[in-house]
Protein backbone atom coordinates (compact mmCIF):
# COMPACT_ATOMS: atom_id res chain seq x y z
CA MET A 1 -18.92 -4.20 9.98
CA SER A 2 -21.52 -5.26 8.21
CA ALA A 3 -22.88 -8.95 7.71
CA ARG A 4 -21.27 -9.32 4.43
CA HIS A 5 -17.87 -8.57 5.97
CA ASP A 6 -18.83 -11.24 8.63
CA GLN A 7 -19.40 -13.58 6.02
CA THR A 8 -16.10 -13.11 3.60
CA LEU A 9 -14.32 -13.31 6.79
CA LEU A 10 -15.56 -16.36 7.88
CA ARG A 11 -14.82 -17.59 4.71
CA ALA A 12 -11.32 -16.72 4.62
CA LEU A 13 -10.74 -18.38 7.37
CA ALA A 14 -12.72 -21.63 7.20
CA LYS A 15 -11.21 -24.49 8.50
CA ALA A 16 -12.15 -27.02 5.68
CA PRO A 17 -10.22 -26.09 1.93
CA ALA A 18 -13.23 -26.36 0.29
CA ASP A 19 -15.06 -23.90 1.97
CA ARG A 20 -12.46 -21.17 1.73
CA PHE A 21 -12.28 -18.76 -1.22
CA GLY A 22 -10.80 -20.51 -4.33
CA SER A 23 -8.47 -17.92 -5.23
CA ALA A 24 -7.03 -14.34 -4.25
CA GLY A 25 -9.18 -12.71 -6.72
CA GLU A 26 -11.98 -14.39 -5.61
CA MET A 27 -11.69 -12.92 -2.32
CA ALA A 28 -10.60 -9.55 -3.61
CA ASP A 29 -13.89 -9.67 -5.01
CA ALA A 30 -15.78 -10.09 -2.07
CA VAL A 31 -13.88 -7.52 -0.07
CA ALA A 32 -14.60 -5.30 -2.78
CA ALA A 33 -18.32 -5.53 -2.47
CA TRP A 34 -17.75 -4.67 0.89
CA PRO A 35 -20.35 -1.83 1.64
CA VAL A 36 -18.76 1.14 2.26
CA GLU A 37 -21.28 2.81 3.69
CA ALA A 38 -20.56 0.09 7.51
CA VAL A 39 -17.11 1.35 7.51
CA ARG A 40 -18.14 5.25 7.37
CA GLY A 41 -20.83 4.14 10.21
CA ALA A 42 -18.13 2.50 12.46
CA GLU A 43 -16.06 5.37 12.50
CA GLY A 44 -18.74 7.76 13.23
CA ALA A 45 -19.77 5.81 16.05
CA GLY A 46 -15.96 6.08 17.61
CA ALA A 47 -15.06 2.56 16.74
CA ALA A 48 -11.57 1.51 17.29
CA ALA A 49 -10.35 1.35 13.70
CA GLU A 50 -7.08 0.62 13.14
CA THR A 51 -4.78 3.58 11.80
CA ALA A 52 -1.80 3.64 10.30
CA ALA A 53 0.80 6.73 11.21
CA PRO A 54 1.41 9.08 7.82
CA PRO A 55 3.68 7.73 5.46
CA ILE A 56 6.80 8.97 4.56
CA ALA A 57 7.14 12.63 3.49
CA ALA A 58 3.29 13.32 4.29
CA ALA A 59 3.13 15.60 7.91
CA ALA A 60 -0.54 14.01 8.73
CA ALA A 61 -2.97 11.37 7.21
CA PRO A 62 -6.04 12.16 5.84
CA GLN A 63 -8.85 11.34 8.87
CA ALA A 64 -12.39 10.66 6.90
CA ALA A 65 -12.74 7.68 4.67
CA ASP A 66 -12.29 8.79 1.04
CA GLU A 67 -10.40 11.71 2.10
CA GLU A 68 -7.56 12.50 -0.23
CA ARG A 69 -4.45 14.82 0.20
CA GLU A 70 -2.22 15.37 -2.68
CA LEU A 71 1.69 14.73 -1.81
CA TRP A 72 2.73 15.97 -5.19
CA ARG A 73 2.16 16.10 -8.86
CA THR A 74 4.48 16.72 -11.93
CA ALA A 75 2.82 16.96 -15.46
CA GLU A 76 2.58 13.20 -15.78
CA VAL A 77 2.72 11.91 -12.36
CA ARG A 78 0.74 12.66 -9.04
CA LEU A 79 0.90 10.98 -5.59
CA ALA A 80 -1.92 11.18 -3.16
CA LEU A 81 -2.75 9.94 0.28
CA ARG A 82 -6.20 8.44 1.04
CA ARG A 83 -7.91 6.66 3.47
CA ASP A 84 -9.43 4.05 2.13
CA ALA A 85 -13.19 3.53 3.10
CA ARG A 86 -13.13 -0.14 2.08
CA THR A 87 -10.04 -1.10 4.75
CA ALA A 88 -10.17 1.72 7.31
CA ARG A 89 -6.81 2.28 6.22
CA ASP A 90 -4.32 4.72 4.39
CA VAL A 91 -3.03 4.04 0.87
CA LEU A 92 -0.27 6.04 -1.04
CA ILE A 93 -2.25 6.60 -4.66
CA GLU A 94 0.45 7.36 -7.66
CA GLU A 95 -1.87 8.53 -10.69
CA HIS A 96 -0.23 8.75 -13.74
CA ALA A 97 -1.89 10.96 -17.43
CA ARG A 98 -1.19 7.67 -19.49
CA PRO A 99 -1.34 4.27 -18.82
CA LEU A 100 1.51 2.30 -18.07
CA GLU A 101 3.57 0.85 -21.13
CA ASP A 102 4.73 -2.75 -20.81
CA ASP A 103 8.17 -2.21 -20.01
CA ALA A 104 6.69 0.11 -16.80
CA LEU A 105 4.19 -2.82 -16.14
CA ALA A 106 6.79 -5.76 -16.18
CA ARG A 107 9.11 -3.25 -13.54
CA LEU A 108 6.01 -2.62 -11.27
CA ARG A 109 5.40 -6.47 -11.32
CA GLY A 110 8.92 -7.17 -10.46
CA ILE A 111 8.92 -4.80 -7.45
CA ALA A 112 5.20 -6.15 -6.34
CA ALA A 113 7.12 -9.77 -6.68
CA ALA A 114 9.67 -8.65 -4.36
CA GLY A 115 7.34 -7.33 -1.53
CA GLY A 116 7.00 -8.82 2.04
CA PRO A 117 7.64 -7.44 5.29
CA PHE A 118 10.99 -5.51 4.62
CA VAL A 119 9.46 -4.02 1.15
CA GLN A 120 6.60 -1.75 1.05
CA ARG A 121 3.96 -3.45 -0.89
CA VAL A 122 2.22 -2.91 -4.07
CA LEU A 123 -1.73 -3.28 -3.36
CA ARG A 124 -3.33 -3.16 -6.43
CA LEU A 125 -3.20 -1.69 -10.56
CA SER A 126 -6.10 0.30 -11.68
CA ASP A 127 -7.82 -1.60 -14.88
CA ASP A 128 -6.99 0.83 -16.74
CA ARG A 129 -3.11 0.53 -15.94
CA CYS A 130 -3.40 4.32 -14.92
CA ALA A 131 -3.09 3.92 -10.82
CA ILE A 132 -1.17 2.33 -8.60
CA TRP A 133 -1.84 2.21 -5.04
CA TYR A 134 0.66 1.12 -2.41
CA GLU A 135 0.31 0.37 1.59
CA ALA A 136 1.38 3.63 3.52
CA ILE A 137 4.39 3.25 5.71
CA ALA A 138 5.20 5.43 9.05
CA GLY A 139 8.91 5.96 9.63
CA ASP A 140 11.69 7.92 9.49
CA ALA A 141 12.99 8.00 5.57
CA VAL A 142 16.77 7.32 5.49
CA PRO A 143 18.86 6.96 2.08
CA LEU A 144 20.25 3.34 2.03
CA ASP A 145 23.63 4.33 2.22
CA ALA A 146 22.50 5.41 5.80
CA LEU A 147 21.59 1.97 6.89
CA THR A 148 23.59 0.89 10.29
CA ALA A 149 24.94 -2.76 8.64
CA GLY A 150 22.42 -4.62 10.83
CA GLU A 151 19.77 -2.92 9.09
CA ARG A 152 21.30 -3.35 5.83
CA ARG A 153 21.78 -6.74 6.38
CA ALA A 154 18.07 -7.45 7.46
CA LEU A 155 17.10 -5.94 3.81
CA ASP A 156 20.01 -7.44 1.86
CA ALA A 157 18.01 -10.41 0.33
CA ALA A 158 14.98 -8.11 -0.30
CA LEU A 159 16.80 -5.58 -2.07
CA GLY A 160 18.32 -8.07 -4.10
CA LYS A 161 14.80 -9.03 -5.71
CA LEU A 162 13.83 -5.25 -6.78
CA PRO A 163 14.30 -4.19 -10.38
CA ALA A 164 17.87 -1.77 -10.60
CA GLY A 165 16.91 1.77 -9.01
CA ALA A 166 13.95 0.78 -7.04
CA GLY A 167 14.02 1.37 -3.22
CA ARG A 168 16.29 4.22 -2.90
CA LEU A 169 14.88 4.84 0.72
CA VAL A 170 14.47 3.09 3.64
CA ALA A 171 11.40 3.53 5.95
CA ARG A 172 12.44 3.13 9.76
CA THR A 173 9.58 1.39 11.80
CA ALA A 174 8.88 -0.07 14.83
CA ALA A 175 9.12 -3.46 13.46
CA GLY A 176 12.21 -2.68 11.71
CA PRO A 177 13.18 -1.59 8.23
CA VAL A 178 11.16 -1.43 5.48
CA VAL A 179 11.99 -0.53 1.49
CA LEU A 180 10.57 2.24 -0.19
CA VAL A 181 9.16 1.85 -3.66
CA ALA A 182 6.63 4.33 -4.09
CA PRO A 183 8.10 7.14 -6.06
CA GLU A 184 9.74 9.81 -4.45
CA PRO A 185 8.99 13.40 -4.65
CA PRO A 186 10.92 14.94 -7.79
CA ALA A 187 13.29 17.29 -6.12
CA SER A 188 14.79 14.30 -4.02
CA ARG A 189 15.00 11.98 -7.02
């Protein structure tokens, strides 16, 4: 890690509120300014970087920073798994041929608002509204109707917050069930 990484993290964790970032956007700007080379260098030196297991429907995650693997594609949408060099984690990226229209944007905001420990998180939307980043979740994907009663109870509140039709699959993870909101391959819809 570089001194810039350390400065950002120290400011985010400062004891006095006045010493912390004024907003999440301000912190995001600081993280976006992190040098990518420092992350690549740490990985190349054999540092123990945190890695997520492959997401649902992905056989193997990319290993190198900025390496990308396409999971599926249609004429309008593409889903890829990418190793994000800034965070050293795998992310799913949904790319659209055209920017999201207002109704799709409102639906995405509803999905993002439901995010949390039981819902796959929406990480960001590109400025041109054509690419959506999701956290990559490891675990066996099962349909909602295959959940046990306990799993269903754990997810009831989260499912109630999601827009209609969002989250038809759930990943069974070591930490518990997580509703998947990234798009499914066209054949499974």
